[in-house]
C-alpha atoms as a PDB file:
ATOM      1  CA  UNK A   1       7.607  -8.476  -6.772  1.00  0.00           C
ATOM      2  CA  UNK A   2       8.212  -5.050  -8.086  1.00  0.00           C
ATOM      3  CA  UNK A   3      11.064  -2.625  -7.900  1.00  0.00           C
ATOM      4  CA  UNK A   4       9.941   0.943  -8.534  1.00  0.00           C
ATOM      5  CA  UNK A   5      10.761   4.399  -7.297  1.00  0.00           C
ATOM      6  CA  UNK A   6       8.208   6.797  -5.887  1.00  0.00           C
ATOM      7  CA  UNK A   7       5.288   5.225  -7.753  1.00  0.00           C
ATOM      8  CA  UNK A   8       4.618   1.592  -6.964  1.00  0.00           C
ATOM      9  CA  UNK A   9       1.372   0.895  -8.812  1.00  0.00           C
ATOM     10  CA  UNK A  10      -2.312   1.740  -8.820  1.00  0.00           C
ATOM     11  CA  UNK A  11      -5.784   0.320  -9.353  1.00  0.00           C
ATOM     12  CA  UNK A  12      -8.933   2.093 -10.513  1.00  0.00           C
ATOM     13  CA  UNK A  13     -12.054   1.081  -8.580  1.00  0.00           C
ATOM     14  CA  UNK A  14     -15.267   0.443 -10.531  1.00  0.00           C
ATOM     15  CA  UNK A  15     -17.510   0.624  -7.437  1.00  0.00           C
ATOM     16  CA  UNK A  16     -17.479   2.142  -3.944  1.00  0.00           C
ATOM     17  CA  UNK A  17     -15.115   0.360  -1.548  1.00  0.00           C
ATOM     18  CA  UNK A  18     -13.809   0.642   1.987  1.00  0.00           C
ATOM     19  CA  UNK A  19     -10.116  -0.088   2.624  1.00  0.00           C
ATOM     20  CA  UNK A  20     -10.038  -2.378   5.656  1.00  0.00           C
ATOM     21  CA  UNK A  21      -6.469  -3.727   5.680  1.00  0.00           C
ATOM     22  CA  UNK A  22      -3.118  -3.449   3.918  1.00  0.00           C
ATOM     23  CA  UNK A  23       0.079  -5.467   4.084  1.00  0.00           C
ATOM     24  CA  UNK A  24       3.318  -6.139   2.240  1.00  0.00           C
ATOM     25  CA  UNK A  25       5.464  -9.213   1.733  1.00  0.00           C
ATOM     26  CA  UNK A  26       9.149  -8.470   1.309  1.00  0.00           C
ATOM     27  CA  UNK A  27      10.704 -10.299  -1.645  1.00  0.00           C
ATOM     28  CA  UNK A  28      14.339  -9.379  -1.406  1.00  0.00           C
ATOM     29  CA  UNK A  29      15.566  -9.146   2.157  1.00  0.00           C
ATOM     30  CA  UNK A  30      16.485  -5.955   3.983  1.00  0.00           C
ATOM     31  CA  UNK A  31      15.480  -2.850   2.014  1.00  0.00           C
ATOM     32  CA  UNK A  32      17.199  -0.132   4.017  1.00  0.00           C
ATOM     33  CA  UNK A  33      14.910   2.624   5.239  1.00  0.00           C
ATOM     34  CA  UNK A  34      12.187   1.841   2.698  1.00  0.00           C
ATOM     35  CA  UNK A  35       8.506   2.264   3.497  1.00  0.00           C
ATOM     36  CA  UNK A  36       5.400   1.736   1.377  1.00  0.00           C
ATOM     37  CA  UNK A  37       2.275   3.859   1.877  1.00  0.00           C
ATOM     38  CA  UNK A  38      -1.214   3.103   0.567  1.00  0.00           C
ATOM     39  CA  UNK A  39      -2.793   6.206  -0.988  1.00  0.00           C
ATOM     40  CA  UNK A  40      -6.404   6.978  -1.941  1.00  0.00           C
ATOM     41  CA  UNK A  41      -6.219   9.595  -4.694  1.00  0.00           C
ATOM     42  CA  UNK A  42      -3.679  11.971  -3.127  1.00  0.00           C
ATOM     43  CA  UNK A  43      -4.390  11.151   0.538  1.00  0.00           C
ATOM     44  CA  UNK A  44      -2.327   8.690   2.586  1.00  0.00           C
ATOM     45  CA  UNK A  45      -4.496   5.943   4.041  1.00  0.00           C
ATOM     46  CA  UNK A  46      -1.774   4.053   5.912  1.00  0.00           C
ATOM     47  CA  UNK A  47       1.369   4.897   7.744  1.00  0.00           C
ATOM     48  CA  UNK A  48       4.613   4.023   5.968  1.00  0.00           C
ATOM     49  CA  UNK A  49       4.774   0.220   6.081  1.00  0.00           C
ATOM     50  CA  UNK A  50       8.406  -0.559   6.921  1.00  0.00           C
ATOM     51  CA  UNK A  51       9.723  -3.268   4.599  1.00  0.00           C
ATOM     52  CA  UNK A  52      13.250  -3.261   6.021  1.00  0.00           C
ATOM     53  CA  UNK A  53      12.660  -6.858   7.126  1.00  0.00           C
ATOM     54  CA  UNK A  54      13.840 -10.338   6.182  1.00  0.00           C
ATOM     55  CA  UNK A  55      12.822 -11.916   2.871  1.00  0.00           C
ATOM     56  CA  UNK A  56       9.266 -13.370   2.873  1.00  0.00           C
ATOM     57  CA  UNK A  57       8.242 -11.399   5.986  1.00  0.00           C
ATOM     58  CA  UNK A  58       4.673 -10.079   6.112  1.00  0.00           C
ATOM     59  CA  UNK A  59       4.314  -6.535   7.454  1.00  0.00           C
ATOM     60  CA  UNK A  60       0.903  -4.946   8.100  1.00  0.00           C
ATOM     61  CA  UNK A  61       0.013  -1.291   8.114  1.00  0.00           C
ATOM     62  CA  UNK A  62       0.346  -0.016  11.670  1.00  0.00           C
ATOM     63  CA  UNK A  63      -2.334   2.625  11.187  1.00  0.00           C
ATOM     64  CA  UNK A  64      -5.235   3.225   8.805  1.00  0.00           C
ATOM     65  CA  UNK A  65      -6.692   6.745   8.640  1.00  0.00           C
ATOM     66  CA  UNK A  66     -10.467   6.256   8.465  1.00  0.00           C
ATOM     67  CA  UNK A  67     -10.839   9.748   7.011  1.00  0.00           C
ATOM     68  CA  UNK A  68      -9.519   8.385   3.682  1.00  0.00           C
ATOM     69  CA  UNK A  69     -10.607   4.732   3.610  1.00  0.00           C
ATOM     70  CA  UNK A  70     -13.678   5.222   1.389  1.00  0.00           C
ATOM     71  CA  UNK A  71     -12.812   4.832  -2.284  1.00  0.00           C
ATOM     72  CA  UNK A  72     -15.501   6.187  -4.595  1.00  0.00           C
ATOM     73  CA  UNK A  73     -16.301   4.688  -8.022  1.00  0.00           C
ATOM     74  CA  UNK A  74     -13.550   5.757 -10.420  1.00  0.00           C
ATOM     75  CA  UNK A  75     -11.210   6.419  -7.507  1.00  0.00           C
ATOM     76  CA  UNK A  76      -7.584   5.318  -7.587  1.00  0.00           C
ATOM     77  CA  UNK A  77      -5.697   3.388  -4.941  1.00  0.00           C
ATOM     78  CA  UNK A  78      -1.923   3.429  -5.197  1.00  0.00           C
ATOM     79  CA  UNK A  79       1.100   2.262  -3.253  1.00  0.00           C
ATOM     80  CA  UNK A  80       4.056   4.597  -3.056  1.00  0.00           C
ATOM     81  CA  UNK A  81       7.583   3.713  -2.041  1.00  0.00           C
ATOM     82  CA  UNK A  82       9.894   6.020  -0.110  1.00  0.00           C
ATOM     83  CA  UNK A  83      12.861   4.886  -2.223  1.00  0.00           C
ATOM     84  CA  UNK A  84      13.754   3.015  -5.372  1.00  0.00           C
ATOM     85  CA  UNK A  85      14.878  -0.093  -3.497  1.00  0.00           C
ATOM     86  CA  UNK A  86      11.427  -1.549  -2.751  1.00  0.00           C
ATOM     87  CA  UNK A  87      10.969  -5.189  -3.716  1.00  0.00           C
ATOM     88  CA  UNK A  88       7.706  -6.284  -2.154  1.00  0.00           C
ATOM     89  CA  UNK A  89       4.239  -7.515  -3.006  1.00  0.00           C
ATOM     90  CA  UNK A  90       1.584  -5.090  -1.776  1.00  0.00           C
ATOM     91  CA  UNK A  91      -1.937  -6.183  -0.827  1.00  0.00           C
ATOM     92  CA  UNK A  92      -4.962  -4.033  -0.008  1.00  0.00           C
ATOM     93  CA  UNK A  93      -8.132  -5.646   1.331  1.00  0.00           C
ATOM     94  CA  UNK A  94     -11.274  -3.875   0.162  1.00  0.00           C
ATOM     95  CA  UNK A  95     -14.904  -4.333   1.122  1.00  0.00           C
ATOM     96  CA  UNK A  96     -17.557  -3.239  -1.364  1.00  0.00           C
ATOM     97  CA  UNK A  97     -20.047  -0.850   0.221  1.00  0.00           C
ATOM     98  CA  UNK A  98     -23.330   0.656  -0.948  1.00  0.00           C
END
């Protein structure tokens, strides 16, 4: 798990990918009004994934904006938290595309 403020982490992509799913697993129980958003560069790909759930609960992104799901080579995917109380593992499922 991780406990960060506005920046949660990022990954640089060596090839072209399509984001096809995203989910979080809460590690510490209720997190207040905390959400985590998957971002491609500076554009939000998902809605705020609400992690104000019980410990070990899996929460999927409710929406994925297909305008921003293509990640170009050298692009950066990040997960941002709406507060400093996030304690969750964040997963993004990518599919390599030509």
